[in-house]
Amino acid sequence: MATTQTLVSLMTQTSLHAGVGQDIVSVIDLPIQREAHTDWPCVYGSAVKGAFRAKFEVEAEDNIVNQLFGREAENSLQAGCLAITDARLLLLPVRSLTSHFKWITCPEVLRRWRNDCSRLGVALNLPDSHLQVDEMNALCHNQQNLYLEEYRFTVEQTDLSDWCAALANMVADDRHQDLKEQLVIVSNDMFTYLAKHATPVVAHNKLNDAKTTDSLWYEESLPPDTLLYTMVNAFTSRDDEQKPASDNLSAFTETLQTNPWLQMGGNETVGMGFCHAICL
């Protein structure tokens, strides 16, 4: 089956809670979705695809929605022609004493991003260098002292211009300069630790009619300015028209280019989950 594909970056504009239900064992009652093998935050493909479908149902014609995402009606079942993967973490904003925040990533995240771009045929001119970072060291442009959360890192001043240039394709134009000032590459182990322990956890309190606490729970989320990406594969449509994969992908990307805002995850009515989407 003929296919074509693209990569879509998702920069959170508000906190994002893509949850896995209630956890009765952990201190966090409502944790976020994570990869099983790395424990890195992610958004499962079903949630990403559902958010895209909800967006298209408002902004696109019915025939395009059914063509791209499928149709389930009595005596009229039709599979969609898009395959959408989990949204993977690329840059995580972390509190820092040396600036308002830092965008952190690690060699393994960058290696996986490079491989994904290569598989999709997305040309971002990613550096071929294999980065090496010791546990309490960090690579950044010109920082003298670096504190992330409560940890002090030994800075290895490194020219990250090539990485910044590649990442600039993934963020809005007004964030390009921020990359050079805020990008930090830490070790794989430290990234995993911060991705697990530096995500915001907020207490929620439900009051009863007497204005006393009826229930209290703790909810985890991804902070604003988190950079994720998902991969979209388009196939030949499975209806009688048999539209080619390239036409189906164009129908998807054109709608995003017209209105790049997407809302996914829970707590939509309190403004959570807004993302800025860019198709590469």
C-alpha atoms as a PDB file:
ATOM      1  CA  MET A   1       0.000   0.000   0.000  1.00  0.00           C
ATOM      2  CA  ALA A   2       1.374   3.406  -0.994  1.00  0.00           C
ATOM      3  CA  THR A   3       2.169   5.651   1.972  1.00  0.00           C
ATOM      4  CA  THR A   4       3.545   9.097   2.664  1.00  0.00           C
ATOM      5  CA  GLN A   5       4.364  10.619   6.006  1.00  0.00           C
ATOM      6  CA  THR A   6       5.261  13.724   7.955  1.00  0.00           C
ATOM      7  CA  LEU A   7       6.327  14.765  11.435  1.00  0.00           C
ATOM      8  CA  VAL A   8       4.196  17.143  13.501  1.00  0.00           C
ATOM      9  CA  SER A   9       5.670  19.099  16.414  1.00  0.00           C
ATOM     10  CA  LEU A  10       3.424  19.965  19.356  1.00  0.00           C
ATOM     11  CA  MET A  11       4.487  22.784  21.686  1.00  0.00           C
ATOM     12  CA  THR A  12       2.243  23.029  24.741  1.00  0.00           C
ATOM     13  CA  GLN A  13       0.859  26.503  25.413  1.00  0.00           C
ATOM     14  CA  THR A  14      -0.940  25.554  28.623  1.00  0.00           C
ATOM     15  CA  SER A  15      -0.491  22.667  31.049  1.00  0.00           C
ATOM     16  CA  LEU A  16      -1.294  19.303  29.492  1.00  0.00           C
ATOM     17  CA  HIS A  17      -2.798  16.387  31.407  1.00  0.00           C
ATOM     18  CA  ALA A  18      -3.003  13.212  29.338  1.00  0.00           C
ATOM     19  CA  GLY A  19      -3.863  10.839  32.143  1.00  0.00           C
ATOM     20  CA  VAL A  20      -3.937   7.101  32.752  1.00  0.00           C
ATOM     21  CA  GLY A  21      -6.726   7.101  35.312  1.00  0.00           C
ATOM     22  CA  GLN A  22      -6.434   6.916  39.086  1.00  0.00           C
ATOM     23  CA  ASP A  23      -3.373   5.424  40.750  1.00  0.00           C
ATOM     24  CA  ILE A  24      -4.257   4.139  44.220  1.00  0.00           C
ATOM     25  CA  VAL A  25      -0.651   3.204  45.024  1.00  0.00           C
ATOM     26  CA  SER A  26       1.307   6.335  44.127  1.00  0.00           C
ATOM     27  CA  VAL A  27       1.312   9.639  45.999  1.00  0.00           C
ATOM     28  CA  ILE A  28       0.079  11.202  42.745  1.00  0.00           C
ATOM     29  CA  ASP A  29      -3.582  10.282  42.353  1.00  0.00           C
ATOM     30  CA  LEU A  30      -3.815  11.188  38.651  1.00  0.00           C
ATOM     31  CA  PRO A  31      -0.444  10.634  36.916  1.00  0.00           C
ATOM     32  CA  ILE A  32       0.312  11.375  33.268  1.00  0.00           C
ATOM     33  CA  GLN A  33       0.969   8.907  30.468  1.00  0.00           C
ATOM     34  CA  ARG A  34       4.526   7.581  30.225  1.00  0.00           C
ATOM     35  CA  GLU A  35       6.493   5.166  28.098  1.00  0.00           C
ATOM     36  CA  ALA A  36       6.799   1.822  29.852  1.00  0.00           C
ATOM     37  CA  HIS A  37      10.478   1.219  29.053  1.00  0.00           C
ATOM     38  CA  THR A  38      11.882   4.735  29.664  1.00  0.00           C
ATOM     39  CA  ASP A  39       9.353   6.325  32.061  1.00  0.00           C
ATOM     40  CA  TRP A  40       9.463   9.453  29.878  1.00  0.00           C
ATOM     41  CA  PRO A  41       6.206  11.416  29.535  1.00  0.00           C
ATOM     42  CA  CYS A  42       4.285  10.907  26.309  1.00  0.00           C
ATOM     43  CA  VAL A  43       0.757  11.144  24.912  1.00  0.00           C
ATOM     44  CA  TYR A  44      -0.616   7.878  23.587  1.00  0.00           C
ATOM     45  CA  GLY A  45      -1.418   7.744  19.891  1.00  0.00           C
ATOM     46  CA  SER A  46      -5.113   7.105  20.519  1.00  0.00           C
ATOM     47  CA  ALA A  47      -5.360  10.372  22.479  1.00  0.00           C
ATOM     48  CA  VAL A  48      -3.432  12.305  19.815  1.00  0.00           C
ATOM     49  CA  LYS A  49      -5.574  10.909  17.003  1.00  0.00           C
ATOM     50  CA  GLY A  50      -8.772  11.605  18.947  1.00  0.00           C
ATOM     51  CA  ALA A  51      -7.708  15.233  19.474  1.00  0.00           C
ATOM     52  CA  PHE A  52      -6.970  15.648  15.767  1.00  0.00           C
ATOM     53  CA  ARG A  53     -10.326  14.136  14.837  1.00  0.00           C
ATOM     54  CA  ALA A  54     -12.181  16.454  17.224  1.00  0.00           C
ATOM     55  CA  LYS A  55     -10.393  19.406  15.621  1.00  0.00           C
ATOM     56  CA  PHE A  56     -11.204  18.281  12.084  1.00  0.00           C
ATOM     57  CA  GLU A  57     -14.858  17.660  12.921  1.00  0.00           C
ATOM     58  CA  VAL A  58     -15.153  21.387  13.665  1.00  0.00           C
ATOM     59  CA  GLU A  59     -12.914  22.776  10.921  1.00  0.00           C
ATOM     60  CA  ALA A  60     -13.164  20.365   7.972  1.00  0.00           C
ATOM     61  CA  GLU A  61     -15.895  18.939   5.762  1.00  0.00           C
ATOM     62  CA  ASP A  62     -17.538  15.695   6.856  1.00  0.00           C
ATOM     63  CA  ASN A  63     -16.224  13.793   3.850  1.00  0.00           C
ATOM     64  CA  ILE A  64     -12.633  14.769   4.738  1.00  0.00           C
ATOM     65  CA  VAL A  65     -13.098  13.735   8.374  1.00  0.00           C
ATOM     66  CA  ASN A  66     -14.484  10.342   7.363  1.00  0.00           C
ATOM     67  CA  GLN A  67     -11.804   9.889   4.738  1.00  0.00           C
ATOM     68  CA  LEU A  68      -8.922  10.659   7.106  1.00  0.00           C
ATOM     69  CA  PHE A  69     -10.163   9.207  10.392  1.00  0.00           C
ATOM     70  CA  GLY A  70     -12.733   6.622   9.352  1.00  0.00           C
ATOM     71  CA  ARG A  71     -16.483   6.300   9.666  1.00  0.00           C
ATOM     72  CA  GLU A  72     -18.512   4.144  11.996  1.00  0.00           C
ATOM     73  CA  ALA A  73     -22.172   4.140  11.108  1.00  0.00           C
ATOM     74  CA  GLU A  74     -24.766   1.418  10.699  1.00  0.00           C
ATOM     75  CA  ASN A  75     -23.975  -0.613   7.576  1.00  0.00           C
ATOM     76  CA  SER A  76     -21.254   1.909   6.683  1.00  0.00           C
ATOM     77  CA  LEU A  77     -17.974   1.009   8.359  1.00  0.00           C
ATOM     78  CA  GLN A  78     -14.852   2.542   6.829  1.00  0.00           C
ATOM     79  CA  ALA A  79     -11.284   2.575   8.117  1.00  0.00           C
ATOM     80  CA  GLY A  80      -9.414   5.868   8.088  1.00  0.00           C
ATOM     81  CA  CYS A  81      -6.261   6.456   6.058  1.00  0.00           C
ATOM     82  CA  LEU A  82      -4.078   8.031   8.780  1.00  0.00           C
ATOM     83  CA  ALA A  83      -1.801   6.252  11.245  1.00  0.00           C
ATOM     84  CA  ILE A  84      -0.769   8.564  14.098  1.00  0.00           C
ATOM     85  CA  THR A  85       1.868   7.553  16.640  1.00  0.00           C
ATOM     86  CA  ASP A  86       2.382   8.435  20.288  1.00  0.00           C
ATOM     87  CA  ALA A  87       3.566  12.004  20.883  1.00  0.00           C
ATOM     88  CA  ARG A  88       7.175  11.670  22.030  1.00  0.00           C
ATOM     89  CA  LEU A  89       9.003  14.074  24.330  1.00  0.00           C
ATOM     90  CA  LEU A  90      11.781  16.169  22.771  1.00  0.00           C
ATOM     91  CA  LEU A  91      12.320  19.187  25.070  1.00  0.00           C
ATOM     92  CA  LEU A  92      11.197  19.421  28.702  1.00  0.00           C
ATOM     93  CA  PRO A  93      11.121  22.815  30.461  1.00  0.00           C
ATOM     94  CA  VAL A  94      12.688  22.633  33.920  1.00  0.00           C
ATOM     95  CA  ARG A  95      13.022  25.268  36.651  1.00  0.00           C
ATOM     96  CA  SER A  96      16.427  26.867  36.954  1.00  0.00           C
ATOM     97  CA  LEU A  97      18.022  29.319  39.362  1.00  0.00           C
ATOM     98  CA  THR A  98      20.117  30.712  36.514  1.00  0.00           C
ATOM     99  CA  SER A  99      17.225  31.705  34.225  1.00  0.00           C
ATOM    100  CA  HIS A 100      13.445  31.590  34.081  1.00  0.00           C
ATOM    101  CA  PHE A 101      13.678  27.967  32.847  1.00  0.00           C
ATOM    102  CA  LYS A 102      15.803  25.670  30.716  1.00  0.00           C
ATOM    103  CA  TRP A 103      14.798  23.321  27.930  1.00  0.00           C
ATOM    104  CA  ILE A 104      16.459  19.995  28.656  1.00  0.00           C
ATOM    105  CA  THR A 105      16.992  16.989  26.444  1.00  0.00           C
ATOM    106  CA  CYS A 106      19.508  14.130  26.338  1.00  0.00           C
ATOM    107  CA  PRO A 107      21.578  12.163  23.806  1.00  0.00           C
ATOM    108  CA  GLU A 108      19.109   9.256  23.652  1.00  0.00           C
ATOM    109  CA  VAL A 109      16.150  11.557  22.935  1.00  0.00           C
ATOM    110  CA  LEU A 110      18.112  13.305  20.177  1.00  0.00           C
ATOM    111  CA  ARG A 111      19.263   9.982  18.721  1.00  0.00           C
ATOM    112  CA  ARG A 112      15.689   8.728  18.573  1.00  0.00           C
ATOM    113  CA  TRP A 113      14.519  11.993  16.988  1.00  0.00           C
ATOM    114  CA  ARG A 114      17.253  11.681  14.351  1.00  0.00           C
ATOM    115  CA  ASN A 115      16.176   8.110  13.565  1.00  0.00           C
ATOM    116  CA  ASP A 116      12.508   9.099  13.340  1.00  0.00           C
ATOM    117  CA  CYS A 117      13.322  11.934  10.936  1.00  0.00           C
ATOM    118  CA  SER A 118      15.430   9.600   8.822  1.00  0.00           C
ATOM    119  CA  ARG A 119      12.659   6.998   8.646  1.00  0.00           C
ATOM    120  CA  LEU A 120      10.085   9.605   7.648  1.00  0.00           C
ATOM    121  CA  GLY A 121      12.378  11.275   5.127  1.00  0.00           C
ATOM    122  CA  VAL A 122      12.186  14.607   6.977  1.00  0.00           C
ATOM    123  CA  ALA A 123      15.324  16.607   6.195  1.00  0.00           C
ATOM    124  CA  LEU A 124      16.306  18.714   9.214  1.00  0.00           C
ATOM    125  CA  ASN A 125      20.102  18.522   8.806  1.00  0.00           C
ATOM    126  CA  LEU A 126      20.516  16.929  12.218  1.00  0.00           C
ATOM    127  CA  PRO A 127      24.124  16.609  13.421  1.00  0.00           C
ATOM    128  CA  ASP A 128      25.643  13.153  13.119  1.00  0.00           C
ATOM    129  CA  SER A 129      27.717  13.561  16.267  1.00  0.00           C
ATOM    130  CA  HIS A 130      27.087  11.107  19.110  1.00  0.00           C
ATOM    131  CA  LEU A 131      26.958  13.182  22.269  1.00  0.00           C
ATOM    132  CA  GLN A 132      28.556  11.999  25.499  1.00  0.00           C
ATOM    133  CA  VAL A 133      27.456  13.591  28.783  1.00  0.00           C
ATOM    134  CA  ASP A 134      28.528  12.532  32.280  1.00  0.00           C
ATOM    135  CA  GLU A 135      25.859  12.225  34.957  1.00  0.00           C
ATOM    136  CA  MET A 136      26.241  15.640  36.635  1.00  0.00           C
ATOM    137  CA  ASN A 137      27.552  17.468  33.583  1.00  0.00           C
ATOM    138  CA  ALA A 138      25.565  19.447  31.038  1.00  0.00           C
ATOM    139  CA  LEU A 139      26.179  20.791  27.549  1.00  0.00           C
ATOM    140  CA  CYS A 140      25.041  24.331  26.791  1.00  0.00           C
ATOM    141  CA  HIS A 141      26.162  27.402  24.868  1.00  0.00           C
ATOM    142  CA  ASN A 142      27.582  29.911  27.292  1.00  0.00           C
ATOM    143  CA  GLN A 143      26.270  29.222  30.797  1.00  0.00           C
ATOM    144  CA  GLN A 144      28.846  29.544  33.591  1.00  0.00           C
ATOM    145  CA  ASN A 145      26.773  28.115  36.443  1.00  0.00           C
ATOM    146  CA  LEU A 146      23.799  25.867  35.940  1.00  0.00           C
ATOM    147  CA  TYR A 147      21.151  24.832  38.465  1.00  0.00           C
ATOM    148  CA  LEU A 148      18.218  22.625  37.470  1.00  0.00           C
ATOM    149  CA  GLU A 149      15.727  22.134  40.266  1.00  0.00           C
ATOM    150  CA  GLU A 150      17.970  21.564  43.329  1.00  0.00           C
ATOM    151  CA  TYR A 151      20.953  20.202  41.398  1.00  0.00           C
ATOM    152  CA  ARG A 152      24.124  21.988  40.369  1.00  0.00           C
ATOM    153  CA  PHE A 153      25.687  20.868  37.084  1.00  0.00           C
ATOM    154  CA  THR A 154      29.201  21.180  35.760  1.00  0.00           C
ATOM    155  CA  VAL A 155      28.914  23.042  32.472  1.00  0.00           C
ATOM    156  CA  GLU A 156      30.732  21.944  29.353  1.00  0.00           C
ATOM    157  CA  GLN A 157      30.482  24.934  27.025  1.00  0.00           C
ATOM    158  CA  THR A 158      29.612  23.451  23.657  1.00  0.00           C
ATOM    159  CA  ASP A 159      28.565  24.879  20.320  1.00  0.00           C
ATOM    160  CA  LEU A 160      24.979  23.680  19.965  1.00  0.00           C
ATOM    161  CA  SER A 161      24.204  25.873  16.958  1.00  0.00           C
ATOM    162  CA  ASP A 162      23.493  22.899  14.693  1.00  0.00           C
ATOM    163  CA  TRP A 163      21.044  21.406  17.165  1.00  0.00           C
ATOM    164  CA  CYS A 164      19.373  24.787  17.700  1.00  0.00           C
ATOM    165  CA  ALA A 165      19.016  25.244  13.938  1.00  0.00           C
ATOM    166  CA  ALA A 166      17.346  21.851  13.612  1.00  0.00           C
ATOM    167  CA  LEU A 167      15.069  22.422  16.620  1.00  0.00           C
ATOM    168  CA  ALA A 168      14.066  25.817  15.224  1.00  0.00           C
ATOM    169  CA  ASN A 169      11.976  23.952  12.650  1.00  0.00           C
ATOM    170  CA  MET A 170       9.935  22.498  15.495  1.00  0.00           C
ATOM    171  CA  VAL A 171       9.008  25.728  17.289  1.00  0.00           C
ATOM    172  CA  ALA A 172       7.305  28.993  16.378  1.00  0.00           C
ATOM    173  CA  ASP A 173       9.422  31.774  14.882  1.00  0.00           C
ATOM    174  CA  ASP A 174       9.369  33.852  18.058  1.00  0.00           C
ATOM    175  CA  ARG A 175      11.073  31.030  20.025  1.00  0.00           C
ATOM    176  CA  HIS A 176      14.154  30.579  17.821  1.00  0.00           C
ATOM    177  CA  GLN A 177      16.384  32.864  19.890  1.00  0.00           C
ATOM    178  CA  ASP A 178      15.205  31.199  23.089  1.00  0.00           C
ATOM    179  CA  LEU A 179      16.662  27.897  21.949  1.00  0.00           C
ATOM    180  CA  LYS A 180      20.211  29.196  21.966  1.00  0.00           C
ATOM    181  CA  GLU A 181      19.844  30.674  25.451  1.00  0.00           C
ATOM    182  CA  GLN A 182      17.875  27.858  27.073  1.00  0.00           C
ATOM    183  CA  LEU A 183      18.859  24.574  25.434  1.00  0.00           C
ATOM    184  CA  VAL A 184      20.675  22.187  27.800  1.00  0.00           C
ATOM    185  CA  ILE A 185      21.721  18.594  27.075  1.00  0.00           C
ATOM    186  CA  VAL A 186      22.014  16.431  30.182  1.00  0.00           C
ATOM    187  CA  SER A 187      22.854  12.740  30.587  1.00  0.00           C
ATOM    188  CA  ASN A 188      20.249  10.094  29.785  1.00  0.00           C
ATOM    189  CA  ASP A 189      19.946   9.109  33.447  1.00  0.00           C
ATOM    190  CA  MET A 190      19.525  12.669  34.683  1.00  0.00           C
ATOM    191  CA  PHE A 191      16.963  13.403  31.976  1.00  0.00           C
ATOM    192  CA  THR A 192      14.983  10.365  33.073  1.00  0.00           C
ATOM    193  CA  TYR A 193      15.145  11.502  36.701  1.00  0.00           C
ATOM    194  CA  LEU A 194      14.014  15.051  35.916  1.00  0.00           C
ATOM    195  CA  ALA A 195      11.308  13.838  33.533  1.00  0.00           C
ATOM    196  CA  LYS A 196       9.932  11.772  36.403  1.00  0.00           C
ATOM    197  CA  HIS A 197      10.368  14.163  39.330  1.00  0.00           C
ATOM    198  CA  ALA A 198      10.324  17.695  37.836  1.00  0.00           C
ATOM    199  CA  THR A 199       6.857  17.606  36.263  1.00  0.00           C
ATOM    200  CA  PRO A 200       4.250  19.808  38.012  1.00  0.00           C
ATOM    201  CA  VAL A 201       1.930  18.180  40.540  1.00  0.00           C
ATOM    202  CA  VAL A 202      -1.051  20.271  41.606  1.00  0.00           C
ATOM    203  CA  ALA A 203      -3.399  19.687  44.531  1.00  0.00           C
ATOM    204  CA  HIS A 204      -7.124  19.902  43.735  1.00  0.00           C
ATOM    205  CA  ASN A 205      -9.679  20.452  46.461  1.00  0.00           C
ATOM    206  CA  LYS A 206     -13.407  19.780  46.088  1.00  0.00           C
ATOM    207  CA  LEU A 207     -15.601  21.648  48.583  1.00  0.00           C
ATOM    208  CA  ASN A 208     -18.988  20.482  49.814  1.00  0.00           C
ATOM    209  CA  ASP A 209     -21.992  22.697  50.569  1.00  0.00           C
ATOM    210  CA  ALA A 210     -20.559  23.515  53.996  1.00  0.00           C
ATOM    211  CA  LYS A 211     -17.398  24.872  52.289  1.00  0.00           C
ATOM    212  CA  THR A 212     -15.249  22.179  53.834  1.00  0.00           C
ATOM    213  CA  THR A 213     -13.087  19.684  52.014  1.00  0.00           C
ATOM    214  CA  ASP A 214     -15.057  16.884  50.424  1.00  0.00           C
ATOM    215  CA  SER A 215     -12.088  15.363  48.589  1.00  0.00           C
ATOM    216  CA  LEU A 216      -8.459  16.208  47.880  1.00  0.00           C
ATOM    217  CA  TRP A 217      -6.369  14.774  45.070  1.00  0.00           C
ATOM    218  CA  TYR A 218      -3.041  15.410  43.379  1.00  0.00           C
ATOM    219  CA  GLU A 219      -2.818  15.690  39.606  1.00  0.00           C
ATOM    220  CA  GLU A 220       0.317  15.594  37.448  1.00  0.00           C
ATOM    221  CA  SER A 221       0.711  17.452  34.149  1.00  0.00           C
ATOM    222  CA  LEU A 222       3.237  18.508  31.546  1.00  0.00           C
ATOM    223  CA  PRO A 223       4.103  22.217  31.859  1.00  0.00           C
ATOM    224  CA  PRO A 224       3.652  24.874  29.163  1.00  0.00           C
ATOM    225  CA  ASP A 225       6.530  25.052  26.646  1.00  0.00           C
ATOM    226  CA  THR A 226       6.971  21.269  26.537  1.00  0.00           C
ATOM    227  CA  LEU A 227       7.962  20.162  23.022  1.00  0.00           C
ATOM    228  CA  LEU A 228       6.524  16.876  21.771  1.00  0.00           C
ATOM    229  CA  TYR A 229       6.307  15.394  18.303  1.00  0.00           C
ATOM    230  CA  THR A 230       4.125  12.797  16.605  1.00  0.00           C
ATOM    231  CA  MET A 231       4.487  10.975  13.301  1.00  0.00           C
ATOM    232  CA  VAL A 232       1.633  10.858  10.797  1.00  0.00           C
ATOM    233  CA  ASN A 233       1.486   8.224   8.044  1.00  0.00           C
ATOM    234  CA  ALA A 234      -1.101   8.591   5.272  1.00  0.00           C
ATOM    235  CA  PHE A 235      -2.340   5.708   3.110  1.00  0.00           C
ATOM    236  CA  THR A 236      -4.428   5.471  -0.027  1.00  0.00           C
ATOM    237  CA  SER A 237      -8.025   6.111   1.042  1.00  0.00           C
ATOM    238  CA  ARG A 238     -10.141   2.996   1.524  1.00  0.00           C
ATOM    239  CA  ASP A 239     -13.345   4.291   0.008  1.00  0.00           C
ATOM    240  CA  ASP A 240     -14.493   3.996  -3.599  1.00  0.00           C
ATOM    241  CA  GLU A 241     -12.526   7.103  -4.624  1.00  0.00           C
ATOM    242  CA  GLN A 242      -9.147   5.547  -3.727  1.00  0.00           C
ATOM    243  CA  LYS A 243      -7.479   8.925  -3.242  1.00  0.00           C
ATOM    244  CA  PRO A 244      -3.682   8.697  -3.233  1.00  0.00           C
ATOM    245  CA  ALA A 245      -1.756   8.938   0.019  1.00  0.00           C
ATOM    246  CA  SER A 246      -0.208  12.282  -0.950  1.00  0.00           C
ATOM    247  CA  ASP A 247      -3.650  13.883  -1.387  1.00  0.00           C
ATOM    248  CA  ASN A 248      -4.789  12.587   1.984  1.00  0.00           C
ATOM    249  CA  LEU A 249      -1.691  13.910   3.718  1.00  0.00           C
ATOM    250  CA  SER A 250      -2.179  17.283   2.018  1.00  0.00           C
ATOM    251  CA  ALA A 251      -5.761  17.445   3.318  1.00  0.00           C
ATOM    252  CA  PHE A 252      -4.403  16.856   6.828  1.00  0.00           C
ATOM    253  CA  THR A 253      -1.522  19.350   6.686  1.00  0.00           C
ATOM    254  CA  GLU A 254      -3.517  22.130   4.998  1.00  0.00           C
ATOM    255  CA  THR A 255      -6.058  22.176   7.821  1.00  0.00           C
ATOM    256  CA  LEU A 256      -3.263  22.406  10.411  1.00  0.00           C
ATOM    257  CA  GLN A 257      -1.521  25.184   8.504  1.00  0.00           C
ATOM    258  CA  THR A 258      -4.754  27.170   8.389  1.00  0.00           C
ATOM    259  CA  ASN A 259      -5.291  26.835  12.147  1.00  0.00           C
ATOM    260  CA  PRO A 260      -2.296  25.366  14.038  1.00  0.00           C
ATOM    261  CA  TRP A 261      -3.977  25.135  17.457  1.00  0.00           C
ATOM    262  CA  LEU A 262      -4.861  21.761  18.933  1.00  0.00           C
ATOM    263  CA  GLN A 263      -6.337  20.882  22.312  1.00  0.00           C
ATOM    264  CA  MET A 264      -5.746  17.413  23.725  1.00  0.00           C
ATOM    265  CA  GLY A 265      -5.776  15.626  27.034  1.00  0.00           C
ATOM    266  CA  GLY A 266      -8.122  16.210  29.945  1.00  0.00           C
ATOM    267  CA  ASN A 267      -9.506  19.280  31.733  1.00  0.00           C
ATOM    268  CA  GLU A 268     -10.420  21.067  28.493  1.00  0.00           C
ATOM    269  CA  THR A 269     -12.997  23.264  30.257  1.00  0.00           C
ATOM    270  CA  VAL A 270     -10.292  24.877  32.409  1.00  0.00           C
ATOM    271  CA  GLY A 271      -8.090  25.641  29.403  1.00  0.00           C
ATOM    272  CA  MET A 272      -5.593  22.804  29.638  1.00  0.00           C
ATOM    273  CA  GLY A 273      -4.075  20.967  26.707  1.00  0.00           C
ATOM    274  CA  PHE A 274      -3.618  23.744  24.120  1.00  0.00           C
ATOM    275  CA  CYS A 275      -0.740  22.998  21.724  1.00  0.00           C
ATOM    276  CA  HIS A 276       0.798  24.790  18.744  1.00  0.00           C
ATOM    277  CA  ALA A 277       1.203  22.294  15.886  1.00  0.00           C
ATOM    278  CA  ILE A 278       3.722  22.561  13.034  1.00  0.00           C
ATOM    279  CA  CYS A 279       3.859  20.116  10.114  1.00  0.00           C
ATOM    280  CA  LEU A 280       7.350  19.533   8.740  1.00  0.00           C
END
